[in-house]
Amino acid sequence: MMATQLIGTGGIAALLLLGTVAGSPAAIDVALTLALLATFASIAFVKKGLSRFEADGITSAEDK
């Protein structure tokens, strides 16, 4: 997941630079939309991982 996030961040940065240099507001909009979707994907990934821990009966240090 971290590798996907890193590649996504590089792609977003490239789109932002391309949009700025070329003067294309559409590329900037696409980059910002991808950044927003990446945020939600990360949150979903973490929530799914937490639910697996809870299903296995593993507790965190905060629960003790």
PDB file of N, CA and C in Angstrom:
ATOM      1  N   MET A   1       0.833  -1.192   0.000  1.00  0.00           N
ATOM      2  CA  MET A   1       0.000   0.000   0.000  1.00  0.00           C
ATOM      3  C   MET A   1       0.872   1.248   0.000  1.00  0.00           C
ATOM      4  N   MET A   2       1.972   1.187   0.734  1.00  0.00           N
ATOM      5  CA  MET A   2       2.844   2.359   0.771  1.00  0.00           C
ATOM      6  C   MET A   2       3.481   2.628  -0.594  1.00  0.00           C
ATOM      7  N   ALA A   3       3.808   1.555  -1.326  1.00  0.00           N
ATOM      8  CA  ALA A   3       4.377   1.731  -2.663  1.00  0.00           C
ATOM      9  C   ALA A   3       3.354   2.361  -3.598  1.00  0.00           C
ATOM     10  N   THR A   4       2.103   1.942  -3.470  1.00  0.00           N
ATOM     11  CA  THR A   4       1.041   2.528  -4.285  1.00  0.00           C
ATOM     12  C   THR A   4       0.865   4.005  -3.962  1.00  0.00           C
ATOM     13  N   GLN A   5       0.925   4.340  -2.686  1.00  0.00           N
ATOM     14  CA  GLN A   5       0.812   5.734  -2.274  1.00  0.00           C
ATOM     15  C   GLN A   5       1.977   6.567  -2.826  1.00  0.00           C
ATOM     16  N   LEU A   6       3.181   5.991  -2.797  1.00  0.00           N
ATOM     17  CA  LEU A   6       4.353   6.709  -3.298  1.00  0.00           C
ATOM     18  C   LEU A   6       4.250   6.963  -4.798  1.00  0.00           C
ATOM     19  N   ILE A   7       3.836   5.950  -5.546  1.00  0.00           N
ATOM     20  CA  ILE A   7       3.672   6.107  -6.993  1.00  0.00           C
ATOM     21  C   ILE A   7       2.565   7.126  -7.284  1.00  0.00           C
ATOM     22  N   GLY A   8       1.480   7.042  -6.511  1.00  0.00           N
ATOM     23  CA  GLY A   8       0.379   7.988  -6.688  1.00  0.00           C
ATOM     24  C   GLY A   8       0.799   9.415  -6.400  1.00  0.00           C
ATOM     25  N   THR A   9       1.600   9.587  -5.354  1.00  0.00           N
ATOM     26  CA  THR A   9       2.075  10.927  -5.009  1.00  0.00           C
ATOM     27  C   THR A   9       2.964  11.484  -6.123  1.00  0.00           C
ATOM     28  N   GLY A  10       3.811  10.631  -6.680  1.00  0.00           N
ATOM     29  CA  GLY A  10       4.656  11.071  -7.799  1.00  0.00           C
ATOM     30  C   GLY A  10       3.829  11.444  -9.019  1.00  0.00           C
ATOM     31  N   GLY A  11       2.793  10.659  -9.284  1.00  0.00           N
ATOM     32  CA  GLY A  11       1.911  10.967 -10.414  1.00  0.00           C
ATOM     33  C   GLY A  11       1.150  12.267 -10.210  1.00  0.00           C
ATOM     34  N   ILE A  12       0.694  12.486  -8.991  1.00  0.00           N
ATOM     35  CA  ILE A  12      -0.016  13.731  -8.682  1.00  0.00           C
ATOM     36  C   ILE A  12       0.922  14.924  -8.833  1.00  0.00           C
ATOM     37  N   ALA A  13       2.148  14.778  -8.335  1.00  0.00           N
ATOM     38  CA  ALA A  13       3.125  15.870  -8.468  1.00  0.00           C
ATOM     39  C   ALA A  13       3.432  16.160  -9.938  1.00  0.00           C
ATOM     40  N   ALA A  14       3.578  15.096 -10.739  1.00  0.00           N
ATOM     41  CA  ALA A  14       3.858  15.286 -12.162  1.00  0.00           C
ATOM     42  C   ALA A  14       2.692  15.986 -12.861  1.00  0.00           C
ATOM     43  N   LEU A  15       1.458  15.587 -12.520  1.00  0.00           N
ATOM     44  CA  LEU A  15       0.293  16.244 -13.120  1.00  0.00           C
ATOM     45  C   LEU A  15       0.199  17.719 -12.712  1.00  0.00           C
ATOM     46  N   LEU A  16       0.500  17.993 -11.448  1.00  0.00           N
ATOM     47  CA  LEU A  16       0.474  19.388 -11.005  1.00  0.00           C
ATOM     48  C   LEU A  16       1.531  20.222 -11.725  1.00  0.00           C
ATOM     49  N   LEU A  17       2.727  19.663 -11.874  1.00  0.00           N
ATOM     50  CA  LEU A  17       3.770  20.392 -12.598  1.00  0.00           C
ATOM     51  C   LEU A  17       3.404  20.576 -14.066  1.00  0.00           C
ATOM     52  N   LEU A  18       2.894  19.524 -14.684  1.00  0.00           N
ATOM     53  CA  LEU A  18       2.485  19.603 -16.085  1.00  0.00           C
ATOM     54  C   LEU A  18       1.378  20.638 -16.266  1.00  0.00           C
ATOM     55  N   GLY A  19       0.412  20.615 -15.367  1.00  0.00           N
ATOM     56  CA  GLY A  19      -0.683  21.578 -15.460  1.00  0.00           C
ATOM     57  C   GLY A  19      -0.226  23.009 -15.269  1.00  0.00           C
ATOM     58  N   THR A  20       0.734  23.195 -14.384  1.00  0.00           N
ATOM     59  CA  THR A  20       1.247  24.546 -14.137  1.00  0.00           C
ATOM     60  C   THR A  20       2.084  25.045 -15.315  1.00  0.00           C
ATOM     61  N   VAL A  21       2.969  24.198 -15.804  1.00  0.00           N
ATOM     62  CA  VAL A  21       3.852  24.601 -16.905  1.00  0.00           C
ATOM     63  C   VAL A  21       3.060  24.811 -18.192  1.00  0.00           C
ATOM     64  N   ALA A  22       2.136  23.899 -18.489  1.00  0.00           N
ATOM     65  CA  ALA A  22       1.369  23.978 -19.730  1.00  0.00           C
ATOM     66  C   ALA A  22       0.184  24.943 -19.618  1.00  0.00           C
ATOM     67  N   GLY A  23      -0.114  25.358 -18.411  1.00  0.00           N
ATOM     68  CA  GLY A  23      -1.250  26.256 -18.225  1.00  0.00           C
ATOM     69  C   GLY A  23      -2.585  25.551 -18.420  1.00  0.00           C
ATOM     70  N   SER A  24      -2.622  24.280 -18.071  1.00  0.00           N
ATOM     71  CA  SER A  24      -3.823  23.480 -18.259  1.00  0.00           C
ATOM     72  C   SER A  24      -4.531  23.270 -16.913  1.00  0.00           C
ATOM     73  N   PRO A  25      -5.622  23.976 -16.698  1.00  0.00           N
ATOM     74  CA  PRO A  25      -6.320  23.801 -15.415  1.00  0.00           C
ATOM     75  C   PRO A  25      -6.963  22.420 -15.275  1.00  0.00           C
ATOM     76  N   ALA A  26      -7.224  21.745 -16.384  1.00  0.00           N
ATOM     77  CA  ALA A  26      -7.820  20.414 -16.320  1.00  0.00           C
ATOM     78  C   ALA A  26      -6.848  19.419 -15.674  1.00  0.00           C
ATOM     79  N   ALA A  27      -5.563  19.517 -15.978  1.00  0.00           N
ATOM     80  CA  ALA A  27      -4.568  18.614 -15.387  1.00  0.00           C
ATOM     81  C   ALA A  27      -4.466  18.845 -13.882  1.00  0.00           C
ATOM     82  N   ILE A  28      -4.576  20.083 -13.458  1.00  0.00           N
ATOM     83  CA  ILE A  28      -4.542  20.397 -12.033  1.00  0.00           C
ATOM     84  C   ILE A  28      -5.781  19.834 -11.345  1.00  0.00           C
ATOM     85  N   ASP A  29      -6.934  19.960 -11.985  1.00  0.00           N
ATOM     86  CA  ASP A  29      -8.165  19.398 -11.416  1.00  0.00           C
ATOM     87  C   ASP A  29      -8.083  17.882 -11.285  1.00  0.00           C
ATOM     88  N   VAL A  30      -7.523  17.228 -12.290  1.00  0.00           N
ATOM     89  CA  VAL A  30      -7.374  15.770 -12.246  1.00  0.00           C
ATOM     90  C   VAL A  30      -6.427  15.382 -11.111  1.00  0.00           C
ATOM     91  N   ALA A  31      -5.333  16.105 -10.962  1.00  0.00           N
ATOM     92  CA  ALA A  31      -4.365  15.797  -9.901  1.00  0.00           C
ATOM     93  C   ALA A  31      -4.995  15.965  -8.522  1.00  0.00           C
ATOM     94  N   LEU A  32      -5.753  17.022  -8.329  1.00  0.00           N
ATOM     95  CA  LEU A  32      -6.386  17.236  -7.034  1.00  0.00           C
ATOM     96  C   LEU A  32      -7.467  16.197  -6.756  1.00  0.00           C
ATOM     97  N   THR A  33      -8.167  15.774  -7.790  1.00  0.00           N
ATOM     98  CA  THR A  33      -9.170  14.722  -7.630  1.00  0.00           C
ATOM     99  C   THR A  33      -8.501  13.404  -7.255  1.00  0.00           C
ATOM    100  N   LEU A  34      -7.394  13.082  -7.906  1.00  0.00           N
ATOM    101  CA  LEU A  34      -6.657  11.864  -7.561  1.00  0.00           C
ATOM    102  C   LEU A  34      -6.126  11.920  -6.127  1.00  0.00           C
ATOM    103  N   ALA A  35      -5.682  13.087  -5.688  1.00  0.00           N
ATOM    104  CA  ALA A  35      -5.204  13.227  -4.314  1.00  0.00           C
ATOM    105  C   ALA A  35      -6.332  12.983  -3.320  1.00  0.00           C
ATOM    106  N   LEU A  36      -7.511  13.470  -3.635  1.00  0.00           N
ATOM    107  CA  LEU A  36      -8.661  13.255  -2.759  1.00  0.00           C
ATOM    108  C   LEU A  36      -9.043  11.781  -2.716  1.00  0.00           C
ATOM    109  N   LEU A  37      -9.046  11.125  -3.866  1.00  0.00           N
ATOM    110  CA  LEU A  37      -9.365   9.701  -3.907  1.00  0.00           C
ATOM    111  C   LEU A  37      -8.311   8.868  -3.182  1.00  0.00           C
ATOM    112  N   ALA A  38      -7.061   9.257  -3.276  1.00  0.00           N
ATOM    113  CA  ALA A  38      -5.992   8.536  -2.583  1.00  0.00           C
ATOM    114  C   ALA A  38      -6.158   8.633  -1.073  1.00  0.00           C
ATOM    115  N   THR A  39      -6.635   9.774  -0.601  1.00  0.00           N
ATOM    116  CA  THR A  39      -6.875   9.934   0.829  1.00  0.00           C
ATOM    117  C   THR A  39      -7.943   8.967   1.303  1.00  0.00           C
ATOM    118  N   PHE A  40      -9.037   8.886   0.573  1.00  0.00           N
ATOM    119  CA  PHE A  40     -10.113   7.972   0.954  1.00  0.00           C
ATOM    120  C   PHE A  40      -9.679   6.514   0.829  1.00  0.00           C
ATOM    121  N   ALA A  41      -8.847   6.204  -0.147  1.00  0.00           N
ATOM    122  CA  ALA A  41      -8.355   4.838  -0.299  1.00  0.00           C
ATOM    123  C   ALA A  41      -7.476   4.444   0.889  1.00  0.00           C
ATOM    124  N   SER A  42      -6.651   5.368   1.358  1.00  0.00           N
ATOM    125  CA  SER A  42      -5.808   5.093   2.525  1.00  0.00           C
ATOM    126  C   SER A  42      -6.648   4.866   3.768  1.00  0.00           C
ATOM    127  N   ILE A  43      -7.659   5.677   3.955  1.00  0.00           N
ATOM    128  CA  ILE A  43      -8.538   5.526   5.117  1.00  0.00           C
ATOM    129  C   ILE A  43      -9.257   4.179   5.061  1.00  0.00           C
ATOM    130  N   ALA A  44      -9.744   3.801   3.890  1.00  0.00           N
ATOM    131  CA  ALA A  44     -10.431   2.515   3.744  1.00  0.00           C
ATOM    132  C   ALA A  44      -9.482   1.361   4.016  1.00  0.00           C
ATOM    133  N   PHE A  45      -8.247   1.471   3.564  1.00  0.00           N
ATOM    134  CA  PHE A  45      -7.260   0.417   3.786  1.00  0.00           C
ATOM    135  C   PHE A  45      -6.976   0.242   5.273  1.00  0.00           C
ATOM    136  N   VAL A  46      -6.814   1.339   5.979  1.00  0.00           N
ATOM    137  CA  VAL A  46      -6.539   1.271   7.420  1.00  0.00           C
ATOM    138  C   VAL A  46      -7.737   0.700   8.165  1.00  0.00           C
ATOM    139  N   LYS A  47      -8.937   1.129   7.812  1.00  0.00           N
ATOM    140  CA  LYS A  47     -10.130   0.605   8.485  1.00  0.00           C
ATOM    141  C   LYS A  47     -10.292  -0.893   8.252  1.00  0.00           C
ATOM    142  N   LYS A  48      -9.995  -1.349   7.042  1.00  0.00           N
ATOM    143  CA  LYS A  48     -10.099  -2.786   6.759  1.00  0.00           C
ATOM    144  C   LYS A  48      -9.060  -3.551   7.566  1.00  0.00           C
ATOM    145  N   GLY A  49      -7.875  -3.014   7.694  1.00  0.00           N
ATOM    146  CA  GLY A  49      -6.837  -3.661   8.496  1.00  0.00           C
ATOM    147  C   GLY A  49      -7.212  -3.710   9.958  1.00  0.00           C
ATOM    148  N   LEU A  50      -7.814  -2.652  10.475  1.00  0.00           N
ATOM    149  CA  LEU A  50      -8.233  -2.640  11.874  1.00  0.00           C
ATOM    150  C   LEU A  50      -9.333  -3.651  12.131  1.00  0.00           C
ATOM    151  N   SER A  51     -10.252  -3.786  11.182  1.00  0.00           N
ATOM    152  CA  SER A  51     -11.326  -4.754  11.376  1.00  0.00           C
ATOM    153  C   SER A  51     -10.784  -6.183  11.369  1.00  0.00           C
ATOM    154  N   ARG A  52      -9.730  -6.440  10.617  1.00  0.00           N
ATOM    155  CA  ARG A  52      -9.116  -7.776  10.626  1.00  0.00           C
ATOM    156  C   ARG A  52      -8.471  -8.063  11.974  1.00  0.00           C
ATOM    157  N   PHE A  53      -7.811  -7.053  12.560  1.00  0.00           N
ATOM    158  CA  PHE A  53      -7.213  -7.235  13.873  1.00  0.00           C
ATOM    159  C   PHE A  53      -8.284  -7.523  14.916  1.00  0.00           C
ATOM    160  N   GLU A  54      -9.375  -6.809  14.857  1.00  0.00           N
ATOM    161  CA  GLU A  54     -10.451  -7.016  15.821  1.00  0.00           C
ATOM    162  C   GLU A  54     -11.080  -8.390  15.644  1.00  0.00           C
ATOM    163  N   ALA A  55     -11.197  -8.853  14.411  1.00  0.00           N
ATOM    164  CA  ALA A  55     -11.780 -10.167  14.153  1.00  0.00           C
ATOM    165  C   ALA A  55     -10.871 -11.276  14.671  1.00  0.00           C
ATOM    166  N   ASP A  56      -9.561 -11.049  14.640  1.00  0.00           N
ATOM    167  CA  ASP A  56      -8.608 -12.048  15.128  1.00  0.00           C
ATOM    168  C   ASP A  56      -8.455 -12.011  16.643  1.00  0.00           C
ATOM    169  N   GLY A  57      -9.060 -11.031  17.284  1.00  0.00           N
ATOM    170  CA  GLY A  57      -8.960 -10.922  18.740  1.00  0.00           C
ATOM    171  C   GLY A  57      -7.711 -10.228  19.211  1.00  0.00           C
ATOM    172  N   ILE A  58      -7.018  -9.562  18.320  1.00  0.00           N
ATOM    173  CA  ILE A  58      -5.806  -8.837  18.686  1.00  0.00           C
ATOM    174  C   ILE A  58      -6.237  -7.442  19.146  1.00  0.00           C
ATOM    175  N   THR A  59      -5.763  -7.049  20.325  1.00  0.00           N
ATOM    176  CA  THR A  59      -6.110  -5.734  20.849  1.00  0.00           C
ATOM    177  C   THR A  59      -4.916  -4.817  20.770  1.00  0.00           C
ATOM    178  N   SER A  60      -5.191  -3.554  20.666  1.00  0.00           N
ATOM    179  CA  SER A  60      -4.125  -2.577  20.605  1.00  0.00           C
ATOM    180  C   SER A  60      -3.749  -2.141  22.016  1.00  0.00           C
ATOM    181  N   ALA A  61      -2.699  -1.375  22.134  1.00  0.00           N
ATOM    182  CA  ALA A  61      -2.261  -0.882  23.444  1.00  0.00           C
ATOM    183  C   ALA A  61      -3.273   0.095  24.030  1.00  0.00           C
ATOM    184  N   GLU A  62      -4.049   0.737  23.181  1.00  0.00           N
ATOM    185  CA  GLU A  62      -5.056   1.693  23.648  1.00  0.00           C
ATOM    186  C   GLU A  62      -6.227   0.987  24.333  1.00  0.00           C
ATOM    187  N   ASP A  63      -6.489  -0.268  23.966  1.00  0.00           N
ATOM    188  CA  ASP A  63      -7.620  -1.011  24.517  1.00  0.00           C
ATOM    189  C   ASP A  63      -7.328  -1.551  25.907  1.00  0.00           C
ATOM    190  N   LYS A  64      -6.067  -1.610  26.285  1.00  0.00           N
ATOM    191  CA  LYS A  64      -5.702  -2.204  27.582  1.00  0.00           C
ATOM    192  C   LYS A  64      -5.835  -1.222  28.717  1.00  0.00           C
TER     193      LYS A  64
END
